[in-house]
Amino acid sequence: MSAGIEQTAAGITVTGHMTMETAAALLAAGTDVLGKGAPVCDLSAVAHIDSAGLAVLFGWQRAVEARGQSLRIVNPPASLIGLADVYGVSELLSLS
């Protein structure tokens, strides 16, 4: 399983799998890129996300909030919305 992060003018686009296998690398790479740019995370190219991917999003959110900004997550896959609902954290993420 692979995953990647592409820097865009708006922030980042995540590709591939946001899972236990890719979480550590995604957290580090995304935190670095989001620390330098706009706080928007596009998930339109995410093929699969599990609870580790949800944890990555919270890590990015903390990093962006430490800069006094808010992370905006766009194009969340249905599986992310379902996970957030199951864990009762939907209201903690800015999903649009």
N, C-alpha and C. Protein backbone atom coordinates (compact mmCIF):
# COMPACT_ATOMS: atom_id res chain seq x y z
N MET A 1 0.84 -1.18 0.00
CA MET A 1 0.00 0.00 0.00
C MET A 1 0.88 1.24 0.00
N SER A 2 0.49 2.18 -0.80
CA SER A 2 1.28 3.39 -0.86
C SER A 2 0.41 4.60 -0.58
N ALA A 3 1.08 5.67 -0.25
CA ALA A 3 0.41 6.94 0.01
C ALA A 3 1.37 8.05 -0.34
N GLY A 4 0.83 9.20 -0.61
CA GLY A 4 1.67 10.33 -0.92
C GLY A 4 0.99 11.64 -0.59
N ILE A 5 1.81 12.68 -0.57
CA ILE A 5 1.32 14.03 -0.31
C ILE A 5 1.89 14.95 -1.37
N GLU A 6 1.02 15.71 -1.98
CA GLU A 6 1.44 16.69 -2.97
C GLU A 6 1.10 18.08 -2.43
N GLN A 7 2.06 18.97 -2.47
CA GLN A 7 1.80 20.34 -2.04
C GLN A 7 1.07 21.06 -3.15
N THR A 8 0.04 21.81 -2.78
CA THR A 8 -0.73 22.61 -3.73
C THR A 8 -0.78 24.04 -3.22
N ALA A 9 -1.30 24.93 -4.03
CA ALA A 9 -1.43 26.32 -3.60
C ALA A 9 -2.35 26.45 -2.38
N ALA A 10 -3.32 25.55 -2.28
CA ALA A 10 -4.27 25.60 -1.17
C ALA A 10 -3.78 24.86 0.07
N GLY A 11 -2.82 23.96 -0.08
CA GLY A 11 -2.35 23.16 1.05
C GLY A 11 -1.74 21.87 0.57
N ILE A 12 -2.47 20.74 0.80
CA ILE A 12 -1.97 19.43 0.36
C ILE A 12 -3.09 18.60 -0.25
N THR A 13 -2.69 17.69 -1.12
CA THR A 13 -3.57 16.65 -1.63
C THR A 13 -2.95 15.33 -1.21
N VAL A 14 -3.75 14.48 -0.60
CA VAL A 14 -3.29 13.17 -0.14
C VAL A 14 -3.74 12.13 -1.16
N THR A 15 -2.83 11.20 -1.49
CA THR A 15 -3.16 10.14 -2.44
C THR A 15 -2.90 8.78 -1.80
N GLY A 16 -3.63 7.79 -2.26
CA GLY A 16 -3.39 6.42 -1.82
C GLY A 16 -4.12 6.03 -0.57
N HIS A 17 -3.40 5.34 0.32
CA HIS A 17 -4.00 4.74 1.51
C HIS A 17 -3.55 5.46 2.77
N MET A 18 -4.51 5.91 3.58
CA MET A 18 -4.22 6.50 4.89
C MET A 18 -4.53 5.43 5.93
N THR A 19 -3.55 4.55 6.15
CA THR A 19 -3.74 3.39 7.01
C THR A 19 -2.60 3.25 8.00
N MET A 20 -2.68 2.24 8.83
CA MET A 20 -1.65 1.97 9.83
C MET A 20 -0.26 1.90 9.18
N GLU A 21 -0.19 1.31 8.01
CA GLU A 21 1.10 1.14 7.33
C GLU A 21 1.70 2.46 6.85
N THR A 22 0.88 3.43 6.55
CA THR A 22 1.38 4.69 5.99
C THR A 22 1.28 5.87 6.94
N ALA A 23 0.67 5.68 8.09
CA ALA A 23 0.34 6.80 8.99
C ALA A 23 1.55 7.61 9.44
N ALA A 24 2.60 6.96 9.88
CA ALA A 24 3.77 7.69 10.40
C ALA A 24 4.39 8.58 9.34
N ALA A 25 4.57 8.04 8.14
CA ALA A 25 5.16 8.81 7.05
C ALA A 25 4.25 9.96 6.63
N LEU A 26 2.95 9.69 6.54
CA LEU A 26 2.00 10.75 6.17
C LEU A 26 1.97 11.86 7.22
N LEU A 27 1.97 11.49 8.48
CA LEU A 27 1.94 12.49 9.55
C LEU A 27 3.14 13.42 9.44
N ALA A 28 4.32 12.84 9.29
CA ALA A 28 5.53 13.65 9.21
C ALA A 28 5.54 14.53 7.96
N ALA A 29 5.25 13.96 6.82
CA ALA A 29 5.30 14.72 5.57
C ALA A 29 4.23 15.81 5.54
N GLY A 30 3.03 15.46 5.96
CA GLY A 30 1.94 16.44 5.94
C GLY A 30 2.16 17.57 6.93
N THR A 31 2.68 17.25 8.10
CA THR A 31 2.96 18.29 9.10
C THR A 31 3.98 19.26 8.56
N ASP A 32 5.00 18.73 7.89
CA ASP A 32 6.04 19.59 7.32
C ASP A 32 5.47 20.53 6.26
N VAL A 33 4.70 19.98 5.33
CA VAL A 33 4.14 20.79 4.24
C VAL A 33 3.09 21.77 4.76
N LEU A 34 2.20 21.31 5.62
CA LEU A 34 1.16 22.20 6.15
C LEU A 34 1.76 23.31 7.01
N GLY A 35 2.93 23.06 7.59
CA GLY A 35 3.59 24.08 8.39
C GLY A 35 4.13 25.23 7.57
N LYS A 36 4.22 25.02 6.26
CA LYS A 36 4.78 26.04 5.38
C LYS A 36 3.74 26.73 4.51
N GLY A 37 2.53 26.20 4.48
CA GLY A 37 1.57 26.72 3.51
C GLY A 37 0.17 26.85 4.05
N ALA A 38 -0.77 26.85 3.12
CA ALA A 38 -2.17 27.01 3.45
C ALA A 38 -2.72 25.75 4.12
N PRO A 39 -3.67 25.89 5.03
CA PRO A 39 -4.17 24.77 5.82
C PRO A 39 -5.37 24.03 5.23
N VAL A 40 -5.26 23.59 3.97
CA VAL A 40 -6.35 22.84 3.35
C VAL A 40 -5.82 21.47 2.96
N CYS A 41 -6.57 20.44 3.31
CA CYS A 41 -6.20 19.06 3.03
C CYS A 41 -7.26 18.44 2.13
N ASP A 42 -6.88 18.14 0.90
CA ASP A 42 -7.79 17.55 -0.09
C ASP A 42 -7.63 16.04 -0.06
N LEU A 43 -8.71 15.33 0.23
CA LEU A 43 -8.69 13.88 0.32
C LEU A 43 -9.35 13.20 -0.87
N SER A 44 -9.55 13.91 -1.97
CA SER A 44 -10.26 13.34 -3.12
C SER A 44 -9.54 12.15 -3.73
N ALA A 45 -8.24 12.03 -3.55
CA ALA A 45 -7.47 10.92 -4.15
C ALA A 45 -7.12 9.83 -3.14
N VAL A 46 -7.76 9.84 -1.97
CA VAL A 46 -7.52 8.80 -0.97
C VAL A 46 -8.33 7.56 -1.36
N ALA A 47 -7.63 6.44 -1.48
CA ALA A 47 -8.27 5.19 -1.88
C ALA A 47 -8.87 4.45 -0.69
N HIS A 48 -8.22 4.57 0.48
CA HIS A 48 -8.70 3.87 1.68
C HIS A 48 -8.21 4.63 2.91
N ILE A 49 -9.05 4.70 3.93
CA ILE A 49 -8.66 5.33 5.19
C ILE A 49 -9.18 4.48 6.33
N ASP A 50 -8.33 4.31 7.36
CA ASP A 50 -8.76 3.60 8.55
C ASP A 50 -8.56 4.51 9.76
N SER A 51 -8.68 3.97 10.95
CA SER A 51 -8.60 4.81 12.15
C SER A 51 -7.22 5.46 12.31
N ALA A 52 -6.18 4.85 11.77
CA ALA A 52 -4.85 5.47 11.81
C ALA A 52 -4.84 6.73 10.93
N GLY A 53 -5.54 6.67 9.82
CA GLY A 53 -5.66 7.86 8.96
C GLY A 53 -6.41 8.97 9.66
N LEU A 54 -7.42 8.61 10.42
CA LEU A 54 -8.16 9.59 11.22
C LEU A 54 -7.22 10.25 12.23
N ALA A 55 -6.36 9.46 12.84
CA ALA A 55 -5.38 10.00 13.79
C ALA A 55 -4.41 10.95 13.11
N VAL A 56 -4.02 10.65 11.88
CA VAL A 56 -3.14 11.54 11.11
C VAL A 56 -3.82 12.90 10.92
N LEU A 57 -5.09 12.89 10.58
CA LEU A 57 -5.81 14.15 10.39
C LEU A 57 -5.83 14.98 11.67
N PHE A 58 -6.00 14.32 12.80
CA PHE A 58 -5.97 15.06 14.08
C PHE A 58 -4.57 15.60 14.36
N GLY A 59 -3.55 14.86 13.99
CA GLY A 59 -2.18 15.36 14.15
C GLY A 59 -1.94 16.58 13.30
N TRP A 60 -2.40 16.54 12.06
CA TRP A 60 -2.26 17.72 11.19
C TRP A 60 -3.06 18.89 11.73
N GLN A 61 -4.24 18.59 12.25
CA GLN A 61 -5.08 19.65 12.81
C GLN A 61 -4.36 20.34 13.97
N ARG A 62 -3.76 19.57 14.85
CA ARG A 62 -3.01 20.16 15.99
C ARG A 62 -1.86 21.03 15.50
N ALA A 63 -1.15 20.56 14.49
CA ALA A 63 -0.01 21.32 13.96
C ALA A 63 -0.46 22.65 13.36
N VAL A 64 -1.55 22.63 12.63
CA VAL A 64 -2.07 23.85 12.01
C VAL A 64 -2.61 24.80 13.08
N GLU A 65 -3.32 24.26 14.06
CA GLU A 65 -3.86 25.10 15.14
C GLU A 65 -2.75 25.74 15.97
N ALA A 66 -1.60 25.08 16.07
CA ALA A 66 -0.46 25.65 16.80
C ALA A 66 0.05 26.92 16.11
N ARG A 67 -0.24 27.05 14.81
CA ARG A 67 0.11 28.26 14.05
C ARG A 67 -1.01 29.29 14.08
N GLY A 68 -2.08 29.00 14.81
CA GLY A 68 -3.19 29.93 14.90
C GLY A 68 -4.16 29.86 13.74
N GLN A 69 -4.15 28.75 12.99
CA GLN A 69 -5.05 28.58 11.86
C GLN A 69 -5.93 27.35 12.10
N SER A 70 -6.86 27.12 11.20
CA SER A 70 -7.74 25.95 11.27
C SER A 70 -7.54 25.10 10.03
N LEU A 71 -7.42 23.80 10.22
CA LEU A 71 -7.31 22.88 9.09
C LEU A 71 -8.68 22.67 8.48
N ARG A 72 -8.75 22.78 7.17
CA ARG A 72 -10.00 22.50 6.45
C ARG A 72 -9.77 21.25 5.61
N ILE A 73 -10.63 20.26 5.79
CA ILE A 73 -10.53 19.01 5.06
C ILE A 73 -11.60 19.01 3.98
N VAL A 74 -11.17 18.90 2.72
CA VAL A 74 -12.12 18.91 1.61
C VAL A 74 -12.14 17.56 0.92
N ASN A 75 -13.26 17.25 0.32
CA ASN A 75 -13.49 16.01 -0.42
C ASN A 75 -13.21 14.76 0.42
N PRO A 76 -13.76 14.71 1.64
CA PRO A 76 -13.51 13.53 2.47
C PRO A 76 -14.23 12.31 1.89
N PRO A 77 -13.57 11.16 1.88
CA PRO A 77 -14.26 9.95 1.40
C PRO A 77 -15.36 9.55 2.38
N ALA A 78 -16.35 8.85 1.88
CA ALA A 78 -17.46 8.41 2.72
C ALA A 78 -16.97 7.57 3.90
N SER A 79 -15.90 6.81 3.70
CA SER A 79 -15.37 5.98 4.78
C SER A 79 -14.84 6.84 5.94
N LEU A 80 -14.28 8.00 5.64
CA LEU A 80 -13.82 8.90 6.70
C LEU A 80 -15.01 9.46 7.47
N ILE A 81 -16.03 9.86 6.77
CA ILE A 81 -17.22 10.40 7.43
C ILE A 81 -17.83 9.33 8.33
N GLY A 82 -17.88 8.09 7.85
CA GLY A 82 -18.39 6.99 8.65
C GLY A 82 -17.54 6.73 9.89
N LEU A 83 -16.23 6.73 9.74
CA LEU A 83 -15.33 6.54 10.89
C LEU A 83 -15.51 7.64 11.92
N ALA A 84 -15.55 8.87 11.44
CA ALA A 84 -15.71 10.01 12.35
C ALA A 84 -17.03 9.91 13.11
N ASP A 85 -18.07 9.45 12.44
CA ASP A 85 -19.37 9.26 13.11
C ASP A 85 -19.30 8.16 14.16
N VAL A 86 -18.68 7.04 13.79
CA VAL A 86 -18.58 5.90 14.72
C VAL A 86 -17.82 6.30 15.98
N TYR A 87 -16.73 7.04 15.81
CA TYR A 87 -15.91 7.45 16.95
C TYR A 87 -16.45 8.69 17.65
N GLY A 88 -17.49 9.30 17.10
CA GLY A 88 -18.09 10.47 17.72
C GLY A 88 -17.22 11.72 17.65
N VAL A 89 -16.44 11.84 16.57
CA VAL A 89 -15.53 12.98 16.46
C VAL A 89 -15.84 13.87 15.24
N SER A 90 -16.96 13.65 14.62
CA SER A 90 -17.31 14.42 13.41
C SER A 90 -17.24 15.93 13.66
N GLU A 91 -17.74 16.35 14.81
CA GLU A 91 -17.78 17.78 15.09
C GLU A 91 -16.39 18.37 15.38
N LEU A 92 -15.39 17.52 15.57
CA LEU A 92 -14.04 17.99 15.86
C LEU A 92 -13.22 18.23 14.59
N LEU A 93 -13.70 17.69 13.46
CA LEU A 93 -13.02 17.86 12.19
C LEU A 93 -13.82 18.81 11.30
N SER A 94 -13.10 19.63 10.58
CA SER A 94 -13.77 20.54 9.65
C SER A 94 -13.84 19.87 8.29
N LEU A 95 -14.87 19.04 8.09
CA LEU A 95 -15.05 18.30 6.85
C LEU A 95 -15.99 19.06 5.93
N SER A 96 -15.52 19.30 4.70
CA SER A 96 -16.41 19.97 3.74
C SER A 96 -16.31 19.33 2.37
